[in-house]
PDB file of N, CA and C in Angstrom:
ATOM      1  N   ARG A   1       0.848  -1.174   0.000  1.00  0.00           N
ATOM      2  CA  ARG A   1       0.000   0.000   0.000  1.00  0.00           C
ATOM      3  C   ARG A   1       0.892   1.233   0.000  1.00  0.00           C
ATOM      4  N   ILE A   2       0.594   2.168  -0.897  1.00  0.00           N
ATOM      5  CA  ILE A   2       1.392   3.385  -1.042  1.00  0.00           C
ATOM      6  C   ILE A   2       0.532   4.585  -0.694  1.00  0.00           C
ATOM      7  N   ALA A   3       1.019   5.431   0.197  1.00  0.00           N
ATOM      8  CA  ALA A   3       0.342   6.679   0.540  1.00  0.00           C
ATOM      9  C   ALA A   3       1.072   7.821  -0.162  1.00  0.00           C
ATOM     10  N   VAL A   4       0.358   8.544  -1.010  1.00  0.00           N
ATOM     11  CA  VAL A   4       0.923   9.698  -1.700  1.00  0.00           C
ATOM     12  C   VAL A   4       0.357  10.935  -1.017  1.00  0.00           C
ATOM     13  N   ILE A   5       1.218  11.650  -0.320  1.00  0.00           N
ATOM     14  CA  ILE A   5       0.798  12.857   0.387  1.00  0.00           C
ATOM     15  C   ILE A   5       0.998  14.033  -0.563  1.00  0.00           C
ATOM     16  N   GLY A   6      -0.109  14.604  -0.968  1.00  0.00           N
ATOM     17  CA  GLY A   6      -0.099  15.693  -1.932  1.00  0.00           C
ATOM     18  C   GLY A   6      -0.978  15.330  -3.104  1.00  0.00           C
ATOM     19  N   SER A   7      -1.877  16.214  -3.453  1.00  0.00           N
ATOM     20  CA  SER A   7      -2.836  15.905  -4.511  1.00  0.00           C
ATOM     21  C   SER A   7      -2.734  16.877  -5.675  1.00  0.00           C
ATOM     22  N   GLY A   8      -1.575  17.497  -5.815  1.00  0.00           N
ATOM     23  CA  GLY A   8      -1.346  18.375  -6.960  1.00  0.00           C
ATOM     24  C   GLY A   8      -0.971  17.567  -8.187  1.00  0.00           C
ATOM     25  N   SER A   9      -0.393  18.222  -9.158  1.00  0.00           N
ATOM     26  CA  SER A   9      -0.073  17.538 -10.412  1.00  0.00           C
ATOM     27  C   SER A   9       0.929  16.404 -10.209  1.00  0.00           C
ATOM     28  N   MET A  10       1.928  16.590  -9.370  1.00  0.00           N
ATOM     29  CA  MET A  10       2.923  15.548  -9.138  1.00  0.00           C
ATOM     30  C   MET A  10       2.334  14.380  -8.349  1.00  0.00           C
ATOM     31  N   GLY A  11       1.647  14.675  -7.247  1.00  0.00           N
ATOM     32  CA  GLY A  11       1.049  13.618  -6.441  1.00  0.00           C
ATOM     33  C   GLY A  11       0.016  12.820  -7.214  1.00  0.00           C
ATOM     34  N   SER A  12      -0.793  13.511  -8.016  1.00  0.00           N
ATOM     35  CA  SER A  12      -1.805  12.830  -8.828  1.00  0.00           C
ATOM     36  C   SER A  12      -1.163  11.932  -9.879  1.00  0.00           C
ATOM     37  N   ALA A  13      -0.105  12.409 -10.507  1.00  0.00           N
ATOM     38  CA  ALA A  13       0.586  11.609 -11.524  1.00  0.00           C
ATOM     39  C   ALA A  13       1.220  10.365 -10.912  1.00  0.00           C
ATOM     40  N   ILE A  14       1.822  10.522  -9.758  1.00  0.00           N
ATOM     41  CA  ILE A  14       2.435   9.382  -9.070  1.00  0.00           C
ATOM     42  C   ILE A  14       1.363   8.365  -8.691  1.00  0.00           C
ATOM     43  N   ALA A  15       0.257   8.854  -8.108  1.00  0.00           N
ATOM     44  CA  ALA A  15      -0.829   7.958  -7.703  1.00  0.00           C
ATOM     45  C   ALA A  15      -1.392   7.208  -8.907  1.00  0.00           C
ATOM     46  N   ARG A  16      -1.608   7.913  -9.998  1.00  0.00           N
ATOM     47  CA  ARG A  16      -2.151   7.279 -11.204  1.00  0.00           C
ATOM     48  C   ARG A  16      -1.182   6.228 -11.742  1.00  0.00           C
ATOM     49  N   SER A  17       0.080   6.578 -11.857  1.00  0.00           N
ATOM     50  CA  SER A  17       1.067   5.658 -12.429  1.00  0.00           C
ATOM     51  C   SER A  17       1.189   4.375 -11.621  1.00  0.00           C
ATOM     52  N   TRP A  18       1.312   4.495 -10.307  1.00  0.00           N
ATOM     53  CA  TRP A  18       1.470   3.299  -9.489  1.00  0.00           C
ATOM     54  C   TRP A  18       0.202   2.470  -9.431  1.00  0.00           C
ATOM     55  N   SER A  19      -0.954   3.131  -9.439  1.00  0.00           N
ATOM     56  CA  SER A  19      -2.198   2.360  -9.421  1.00  0.00           C
ATOM     57  C   SER A  19      -2.392   1.619 -10.740  1.00  0.00           C
ATOM     58  N   GLU A  20      -1.965   2.206 -11.855  1.00  0.00           N
ATOM     59  CA  GLU A  20      -2.044   1.523 -13.142  1.00  0.00           C
ATOM     60  C   GLU A  20      -1.166   0.271 -13.169  1.00  0.00           C
ATOM     61  N   LEU A  21      -0.126   0.266 -12.349  1.00  0.00           N
ATOM     62  CA  LEU A  21       0.757  -0.901 -12.254  1.00  0.00           C
ATOM     63  C   LEU A  21       0.236  -1.945 -11.264  1.00  0.00           C
ATOM     64  N   GLY A  22      -0.926  -1.665 -10.659  1.00  0.00           N
ATOM     65  CA  GLY A  22      -1.549  -2.639  -9.771  1.00  0.00           C
ATOM     66  C   GLY A  22      -1.322  -2.428  -8.290  1.00  0.00           C
ATOM     67  N   HIS A  23      -0.660  -1.346  -7.918  1.00  0.00           N
ATOM     68  CA  HIS A  23      -0.425  -1.077  -6.497  1.00  0.00           C
ATOM     69  C   HIS A  23      -1.668  -0.481  -5.847  1.00  0.00           C
ATOM     70  N   SER A  24      -1.841  -0.742  -4.566  1.00  0.00           N
ATOM     71  CA  SER A  24      -2.898  -0.125  -3.777  1.00  0.00           C
ATOM     72  C   SER A  24      -2.406   1.266  -3.368  1.00  0.00           C
ATOM     73  N   VAL A  25      -3.115   2.306  -3.803  1.00  0.00           N
ATOM     74  CA  VAL A  25      -2.656   3.678  -3.583  1.00  0.00           C
ATOM     75  C   VAL A  25      -3.735   4.490  -2.882  1.00  0.00           C
ATOM     76  N   VAL A  26      -3.333   5.249  -1.854  1.00  0.00           N
ATOM     77  CA  VAL A  26      -4.210   6.250  -1.255  1.00  0.00           C
ATOM     78  C   VAL A  26      -3.561   7.600  -1.487  1.00  0.00           C
ATOM     79  N   ASN A  27      -4.397   8.572  -1.797  1.00  0.00           N
ATOM     80  CA  ASN A  27      -3.914   9.927  -2.038  1.00  0.00           C
ATOM     81  C   ASN A  27      -4.412  10.798  -0.902  1.00  0.00           C
ATOM     82  N   VAL A  28      -3.515  11.573  -0.328  1.00  0.00           N
ATOM     83  CA  VAL A  28      -3.824  12.347   0.863  1.00  0.00           C
ATOM     84  C   VAL A  28      -3.767  13.831   0.546  1.00  0.00           C
ATOM     85  N   HIS A  29      -4.788  14.537   0.951  1.00  0.00           N
ATOM     86  CA  HIS A  29      -4.802  15.989   0.852  1.00  0.00           C
ATOM     87  C   HIS A  29      -4.961  16.488   2.268  1.00  0.00           C
ATOM     88  N   GLY A  30      -4.010  17.242   2.761  1.00  0.00           N
ATOM     89  CA  GLY A  30      -3.967  17.619   4.164  1.00  0.00           C
ATOM     90  C   GLY A  30      -5.062  18.536   4.650  1.00  0.00           C
ATOM     91  N   HIS A  31      -5.741  19.249   3.746  1.00  0.00           N
ATOM     92  CA  HIS A  31      -6.694  20.256   4.204  1.00  0.00           C
ATOM     93  C   HIS A  31      -8.148  19.796   4.131  1.00  0.00           C
ATOM     94  N   LEU A  32      -8.612  19.429   2.972  1.00  0.00           N
ATOM     95  CA  LEU A  32     -10.020  19.066   2.800  1.00  0.00           C
ATOM     96  C   LEU A  32     -10.146  17.701   2.147  1.00  0.00           C
ATOM     97  N   ILE A  33     -10.710  16.735   2.873  1.00  0.00           N
ATOM     98  CA  ILE A  33     -10.876  15.401   2.312  1.00  0.00           C
ATOM     99  C   ILE A  33     -11.827  15.437   1.123  1.00  0.00           C
ATOM    100  N   GLN A  34     -12.775  16.395   1.094  1.00  0.00           N
ATOM    101  CA  GLN A  34     -13.693  16.506  -0.037  1.00  0.00           C
ATOM    102  C   GLN A  34     -12.929  16.826  -1.316  1.00  0.00           C
ATOM    103  N   THR A  35     -11.922  17.678  -1.233  1.00  0.00           N
ATOM    104  CA  THR A  35     -11.097  18.005  -2.392  1.00  0.00           C
ATOM    105  C   THR A  35     -10.371  16.766  -2.873  1.00  0.00           C
ATOM    106  N   CYS A  36      -9.865  15.991  -1.955  1.00  0.00           N
ATOM    107  CA  CYS A  36      -9.149  14.773  -2.311  1.00  0.00           C
ATOM    108  C   CYS A  36     -10.103  13.749  -2.919  1.00  0.00           C
ATOM    109  N   ASP A  37     -11.324  13.651  -2.399  1.00  0.00           N
ATOM    110  CA  ASP A  37     -12.320  12.737  -2.978  1.00  0.00           C
ATOM    111  C   ASP A  37     -12.533  13.051  -4.451  1.00  0.00           C
ATOM    112  N   PHE A  38     -12.686  14.319  -4.771  1.00  0.00           N
ATOM    113  CA  PHE A  38     -12.879  14.738  -6.161  1.00  0.00           C
ATOM    114  C   PHE A  38     -11.675  14.346  -7.009  1.00  0.00           C
ATOM    115  N   LEU A  39     -10.478  14.590  -6.499  1.00  0.00           N
ATOM    116  CA  LEU A  39      -9.266  14.313  -7.262  1.00  0.00           C
ATOM    117  C   LEU A  39      -9.063  12.820  -7.504  1.00  0.00           C
ATOM    118  N   VAL A  40      -9.339  11.986  -6.505  1.00  0.00           N
ATOM    119  CA  VAL A  40      -9.126  10.555  -6.718  1.00  0.00           C
ATOM    120  C   VAL A  40     -10.150   9.983  -7.697  1.00  0.00           C
ATOM    121  N   ARG A  41     -11.362  10.538  -7.722  1.00  0.00           N
ATOM    122  CA  ARG A  41     -12.331  10.111  -8.746  1.00  0.00           C
ATOM    123  C   ARG A  41     -11.806  10.481 -10.130  1.00  0.00           C
ATOM    124  N   LYS A  42     -11.163  11.635 -10.226  1.00  0.00           N
ATOM    125  CA  LYS A  42     -10.583  12.082 -11.493  1.00  0.00           C
ATOM    126  C   LYS A  42      -9.411  11.184 -11.908  1.00  0.00           C
ATOM    127  N   ILE A  43      -8.586  10.781 -10.954  1.00  0.00           N
ATOM    128  CA  ILE A  43      -7.446   9.905 -11.230  1.00  0.00           C
ATOM    129  C   ILE A  43      -7.937   8.521 -11.659  1.00  0.00           C
ATOM    130  N   GLY A  44      -8.923   7.987 -10.943  1.00  0.00           N
ATOM    131  CA  GLY A  44      -9.455   6.661 -11.263  1.00  0.00           C
ATOM    132  C   GLY A  44      -8.548   5.545 -10.788  1.00  0.00           C
ATOM    133  N   HIS A  45      -8.648   4.398 -11.423  1.00  0.00           N
ATOM    134  CA  HIS A  45      -7.795   3.222 -11.145  1.00  0.00           C
ATOM    135  C   HIS A  45      -7.842   2.796  -9.690  1.00  0.00           C
ATOM    136  N   ASP A  46      -8.990   2.953  -9.028  1.00  0.00           N
ATOM    137  CA  ASP A  46      -9.188   2.523  -7.639  1.00  0.00           C
ATOM    138  C   ASP A  46      -8.282   3.212  -6.633  1.00  0.00           C
ATOM    139  N   VAL A  47      -7.797   4.401  -6.962  1.00  0.00           N
ATOM    140  CA  VAL A  47      -7.058   5.195  -5.977  1.00  0.00           C
ATOM    141  C   VAL A  47      -8.074   5.675  -4.946  1.00  0.00           C
ATOM    142  N   ALA A  48      -7.734   5.581  -3.675  1.00  0.00           N
ATOM    143  CA  ALA A  48      -8.644   5.977  -2.602  1.00  0.00           C
ATOM    144  C   ALA A  48      -8.175   7.279  -1.962  1.00  0.00           C
ATOM    145  N   ALA A  49      -9.113   7.971  -1.345  1.00  0.00           N
ATOM    146  CA  ALA A  49      -8.792   9.165  -0.570  1.00  0.00           C
ATOM    147  C   ALA A  49      -8.740   8.783   0.903  1.00  0.00           C
ATOM    148  N   ALA A  50      -7.855   9.415   1.644  1.00  0.00           N
ATOM    149  CA  ALA A  50      -7.757   9.094   3.065  1.00  0.00           C
ATOM    150  C   ALA A  50      -7.208  10.290   3.826  1.00  0.00           C
ATOM    151  N   SER A  51      -7.493  10.298   5.130  1.00  0.00           N
ATOM    152  CA  SER A  51      -6.905  11.324   5.982  1.00  0.00           C
ATOM    153  C   SER A  51      -5.430  10.993   6.194  1.00  0.00           C
ATOM    154  N   LEU A  52      -4.669  11.960   6.608  1.00  0.00           N
ATOM    155  CA  LEU A  52      -3.237  11.776   6.793  1.00  0.00           C
ATOM    156  C   LEU A  52      -2.923  10.665   7.785  1.00  0.00           C
ATOM    157  N   ASN A  53      -3.539  10.694   8.947  1.00  0.00           N
ATOM    158  CA  ASN A  53      -3.236   9.690   9.974  1.00  0.00           C
ATOM    159  C   ASN A  53      -3.566   8.275   9.524  1.00  0.00           C
ATOM    160  N   ASN A  54      -4.743   8.078   8.939  1.00  0.00           N
ATOM    161  CA  ASN A  54      -5.146   6.735   8.514  1.00  0.00           C
ATOM    162  C   ASN A  54      -4.241   6.193   7.427  1.00  0.00           C
ATOM    163  N   SER A  55      -3.855   7.023   6.490  1.00  0.00           N
ATOM    164  CA  SER A  55      -3.066   6.536   5.364  1.00  0.00           C
ATOM    165  C   SER A  55      -1.646   6.184   5.773  1.00  0.00           C
ATOM    166  N   ILE A  56      -1.061   6.939   6.647  1.00  0.00           N
ATOM    167  CA  ILE A  56       0.318   6.688   7.059  1.00  0.00           C
ATOM    168  C   ILE A  56       0.423   5.423   7.912  1.00  0.00           C
ATOM    169  N   GLU A  57      -0.540   5.209   8.797  1.00  0.00           N
ATOM    170  CA  GLU A  57      -0.497   4.044   9.677  1.00  0.00           C
ATOM    171  C   GLU A  57      -0.520   2.734   8.903  1.00  0.00           C
ATOM    172  N   GLU A  58      -1.213   2.702   7.785  1.00  0.00           N
ATOM    173  CA  GLU A  58      -1.375   1.458   7.043  1.00  0.00           C
ATOM    174  C   GLU A  58      -0.478   1.358   5.815  1.00  0.00           C
ATOM    175  N   ALA A  59       0.380   2.341   5.584  1.00  0.00           N
ATOM    176  CA  ALA A  59       1.192   2.375   4.366  1.00  0.00           C
ATOM    177  C   ALA A  59       2.489   1.593   4.510  1.00  0.00           C
ATOM    178  N   ASP A  60       2.884   0.961   3.409  1.00  0.00           N
ATOM    179  CA  ASP A  60       4.201   0.337   3.320  1.00  0.00           C
ATOM    180  C   ASP A  60       5.218   1.349   2.795  1.00  0.00           C
ATOM    181  N   VAL A  61       4.729   2.277   1.949  1.00  0.00           N
ATOM    182  CA  VAL A  61       5.568   3.317   1.366  1.00  0.00           C
ATOM    183  C   VAL A  61       4.825   4.636   1.495  1.00  0.00           C
ATOM    184  N   ILE A  62       5.539   5.693   1.877  1.00  0.00           N
ATOM    185  CA  ILE A  62       4.958   7.028   1.970  1.00  0.00           C
ATOM    186  C   ILE A  62       5.731   7.952   1.041  1.00  0.00           C
ATOM    187  N   VAL A  63       5.010   8.629   0.147  1.00  0.00           N
ATOM    188  CA  VAL A  63       5.622   9.552  -0.801  1.00  0.00           C
ATOM    189  C   VAL A  63       5.159  10.959  -0.458  1.00  0.00           C
ATOM    190  N   LEU A  64       6.099  11.866  -0.258  1.00  0.00           N
ATOM    191  CA  LEU A  64       5.774  13.259   0.013  1.00  0.00           C
ATOM    192  C   LEU A  64       5.878  14.026  -1.299  1.00  0.00           C
ATOM    193  N   ALA A  65       4.726  14.457  -1.831  1.00  0.00           N
ATOM    194  CA  ALA A  65       4.673  15.144  -3.123  1.00  0.00           C
ATOM    195  C   ALA A  65       3.979  16.486  -2.947  1.00  0.00           C
ATOM    196  N   VAL A  66       4.613  17.339  -2.167  1.00  0.00           N
ATOM    197  CA  VAL A  66       4.063  18.677  -1.905  1.00  0.00           C
ATOM    198  C   VAL A  66       5.114  19.719  -2.277  1.00  0.00           C
ATOM    199  N   PRO A  67       4.676  20.963  -2.511  1.00  0.00           N
ATOM    200  CA  PRO A  67       5.652  22.008  -2.796  1.00  0.00           C
ATOM    201  C   PRO A  67       6.616  22.182  -1.625  1.00  0.00           C
ATOM    202  N   TRP A  68       7.840  22.559  -1.913  1.00  0.00           N
ATOM    203  CA  TRP A  68       8.878  22.712  -0.902  1.00  0.00           C
ATOM    204  C   TRP A  68       8.416  23.615   0.235  1.00  0.00           C
ATOM    205  N   ILE A  69       7.756  24.713  -0.069  1.00  0.00           N
ATOM    206  CA  ILE A  69       7.323  25.645   0.970  1.00  0.00           C
ATOM    207  C   ILE A  69       6.347  24.966   1.926  1.00  0.00           C
ATOM    208  N   ALA A  70       5.482  24.098   1.430  1.00  0.00           N
ATOM    209  CA  ALA A  70       4.533  23.370   2.287  1.00  0.00           C
ATOM    210  C   ALA A  70       5.276  22.373   3.169  1.00  0.00           C
ATOM    211  N   ALA A  71       6.298  21.730   2.639  1.00  0.00           N
ATOM    212  CA  ALA A  71       7.077  20.762   3.422  1.00  0.00           C
ATOM    213  C   ALA A  71       7.833  21.480   4.535  1.00  0.00           C
ATOM    214  N   LYS A  72       8.362  22.651   4.254  1.00  0.00           N
ATOM    215  CA  LYS A  72       9.104  23.400   5.267  1.00  0.00           C
ATOM    216  C   LYS A  72       8.211  23.861   6.395  1.00  0.00           C
ATOM    217  N   GLN A  73       6.940  24.143   6.123  1.00  0.00           N
ATOM    218  CA  GLN A  73       6.024  24.638   7.138  1.00  0.00           C
ATOM    219  C   GLN A  73       5.539  23.545   8.074  1.00  0.00           C
ATOM    220  N   SER A  74       5.626  22.302   7.674  1.00  0.00           N
ATOM    221  CA  SER A  74       5.067  21.199   8.478  1.00  0.00           C
ATOM    222  C   SER A  74       5.924  20.854   9.650  1.00  0.00           C
TER     223      SER A  74
END
């Protein structure tokens, strides 16, 4: 299971690519889960939306795909 933190163009592309290869992928958007729900429906390929805590606890791999400024603020 792969958790992709970040739902922008990079995070969405990573989630789509790995899910197309058959991996279980959750995409995380730190602010609004509703925004992430919309994005994962757009990505397709059974990518799921999840909150940050739930996705990290169950992930085998965690990918941080956020802008540098957002990573520095966390």
